[in-house]
Protein backbone atom coordinates (compact mmCIF):
# COMPACT_ATOMS: atom_id res chain seq x y z
CA MET A 1 155.56 -47.50 -110.32
CA ALA A 2 154.87 -44.11 -111.70
CA PRO A 3 156.61 -41.07 -109.98
CA PRO A 4 154.22 -39.14 -107.39
CA HIS A 5 153.85 -36.20 -109.82
CA TYR A 6 152.40 -38.70 -112.40
CA ALA A 7 148.50 -39.14 -112.34
CA ARG A 8 146.76 -41.91 -114.29
CA THR A 9 143.30 -41.32 -115.32
CA TYR A 10 142.50 -44.93 -115.95
CA HIS A 11 142.92 -48.16 -114.09
CA ARG A 12 145.80 -50.39 -114.91
CA PHE A 13 144.68 -53.98 -114.96
CA PRO A 14 148.00 -56.17 -113.95
CA LEU A 15 148.22 -58.24 -116.89
CA ARG A 16 151.56 -60.19 -118.32
CA TYR A 17 151.79 -60.24 -121.98
CA PRO A 18 154.91 -60.41 -124.23
CA VAL A 19 155.77 -57.34 -126.09
CA ILE A 20 157.87 -55.88 -128.96
CA PHE A 21 158.69 -52.25 -128.73
CA GLY A 22 160.72 -49.85 -130.66
CA GLY A 23 161.66 -46.11 -131.05
CA ALA A 24 164.22 -44.31 -133.53
CA PRO A 25 167.48 -45.59 -131.74
CA PHE A 26 166.25 -48.75 -130.15
CA VAL A 27 164.01 -52.03 -130.50
CA GLY A 28 163.50 -54.28 -127.88
CA GLU A 29 161.32 -57.07 -126.54
CA GLY A 30 159.78 -57.14 -122.93
CA ILE A 31 156.76 -58.53 -120.74
CA LEU A 32 153.73 -55.94 -120.45
CA ASN A 33 153.42 -55.56 -116.97
CA ASN A 34 149.95 -53.75 -116.86
CA LEU A 35 147.76 -52.02 -119.31
CA SER A 36 144.98 -49.59 -119.27
CA LEU A 37 142.84 -47.76 -122.30
CA MET A 38 145.52 -45.48 -122.54
CA GLY A 39 148.81 -46.64 -121.42
CA CYS A 40 150.94 -49.63 -120.35
CA SER A 41 154.17 -50.32 -118.30
CA ILE A 42 156.77 -52.78 -120.22
CA LEU A 43 159.36 -54.58 -118.13
CA CYS A 44 162.43 -54.94 -120.33
CA ASP A 45 166.34 -55.12 -120.46
CA ARG A 46 166.95 -52.10 -122.69
CA GLU A 47 167.38 -48.61 -121.71
CA VAL A 48 164.68 -46.26 -123.01
CA LEU A 49 164.34 -42.74 -122.49
CA CYS A 50 161.83 -40.72 -121.31
CA GLY A 51 160.10 -38.72 -123.59
CA SER A 52 160.94 -41.37 -126.57
CA ALA A 53 158.22 -42.07 -129.08
CA VAL A 54 157.64 -45.51 -129.17
CA ARG A 55 155.69 -47.95 -131.03
CA VAL A 56 154.45 -51.32 -128.98
CA SER A 57 153.06 -54.50 -130.31
CA VAL A 58 151.25 -56.75 -127.69
CA LEU A 59 151.17 -60.40 -127.77
CA LEU A 60 147.63 -61.03 -126.57
CA PRO A 61 146.69 -64.74 -125.95
CA ASN A 62 144.16 -66.61 -128.33
CA GLN A 63 145.07 -64.11 -130.89
CA THR A 64 146.95 -64.53 -134.14
CA GLN A 65 147.35 -60.76 -134.80
CA ALA A 66 149.40 -58.56 -132.07
CA LEU A 67 147.62 -55.59 -130.77
CA SER A 68 149.54 -52.52 -132.25
CA ILE A 69 149.84 -49.23 -130.57
CA GLU A 70 151.35 -47.30 -133.56
CA LEU A 71 152.50 -44.24 -131.47
CA GLY A 72 153.10 -43.82 -127.56
CA THR A 73 155.50 -41.93 -125.60
CA VAL A 74 157.56 -42.93 -122.73
CA LYS A 75 156.57 -40.99 -119.80
CA TRP A 76 158.59 -42.51 -116.91
CA VAL A 77 161.41 -44.89 -116.72
CA GLN A 78 162.34 -46.71 -113.21
CA GLY A 79 164.91 -49.27 -113.56
CA GLU A 80 164.04 -51.89 -115.83
CA GLU A 81 160.26 -50.70 -116.30
CA PHE A 82 158.87 -47.76 -118.17
CA GLY A 83 155.26 -46.43 -118.40
CA VAL A 84 153.91 -45.72 -122.16
CA GLU A 85 151.11 -43.12 -122.62
CA PHE A 86 149.44 -44.22 -125.99
CA PHE A 87 148.48 -41.57 -128.73
CA ARG A 88 147.63 -43.42 -131.57
CA LEU A 89 145.94 -46.64 -132.22
CA PRO A 90 143.92 -47.67 -135.46
CA LEU A 91 140.24 -48.31 -134.63
CA GLU A 92 140.63 -52.10 -134.87
CA ALA A 93 143.43 -52.17 -132.24
CA ARG A 94 141.03 -49.49 -130.04
CA LYS A 95 138.40 -52.41 -130.42
CA ARG A 96 140.69 -55.12 -129.55
CA LEU A 97 142.03 -53.17 -126.10
CA ASN A 98 138.51 -52.37 -124.89
CA THR A 99 137.59 -56.14 -125.61
CA THR A 100 140.67 -57.02 -123.65
CA LEU A 101 139.97 -54.71 -120.73
CA ARG A 102 135.98 -55.08 -120.76
CA VAL A 103 136.90 -59.15 -120.13
CA GLU A 104 139.72 -58.18 -117.41
CA LEU A 105 137.12 -55.50 -115.49
CA ILE A 106 134.38 -58.55 -115.49
CA ASN A 107 136.90 -60.99 -114.03
CA LEU A 108 138.02 -58.19 -111.33
CA LEU A 109 134.41 -57.39 -110.44
CA LYS A 110 133.67 -60.70 -110.11
CA ALA A 111 136.44 -61.69 -107.86
CA ARG A 112 135.61 -58.65 -105.96
CA ALA A 113 132.14 -59.83 -105.53
CA VAL A 114 133.33 -63.35 -104.19
CA THR A 115 135.69 -61.47 -101.75
CA ASN A 116 132.67 -59.75 -100.42
CA GLU A 117 130.52 -62.44 -100.28
CA VAL A 118 132.62 -64.37 -97.94
CA PRO A 119 132.71 -62.26 -94.96
CA GLU A 120 128.90 -61.80 -95.40
CA LEU A 121 128.26 -65.67 -95.60
CA LEU A 122 130.44 -66.08 -92.34
CA ASN A 123 128.30 -63.57 -90.64
CA ARG A 124 125.17 -65.59 -91.36
CA VAL A 125 126.71 -68.91 -90.07
CA SER A 126 128.10 -67.05 -86.74
């Protein structure tokens, strides 16, 4: 979880995909914990430094090519989790990220609609 002083602009979707990341003194593998238009958090067993420049490759399901974030910055570190803010994505990667998040948003809205319909249906039965 992000420190209280760090405010996010975009909703982060809870997703679990393998990632490969690297910076000047390190390369590592981890699991994407959540994803938004401008950032993500990653679980890993490597130590990373807050403020480090990092490149991230996300292995999305049903896609042969990894989603490549060319440049990001580690914004926070808490134990085995760290947050990355995206700074540079190639246009094709931005399109793929947008498509992935659009699908997640549709799924979220459908789930909320179903959750909201259940109490309404129960009220009709009563």
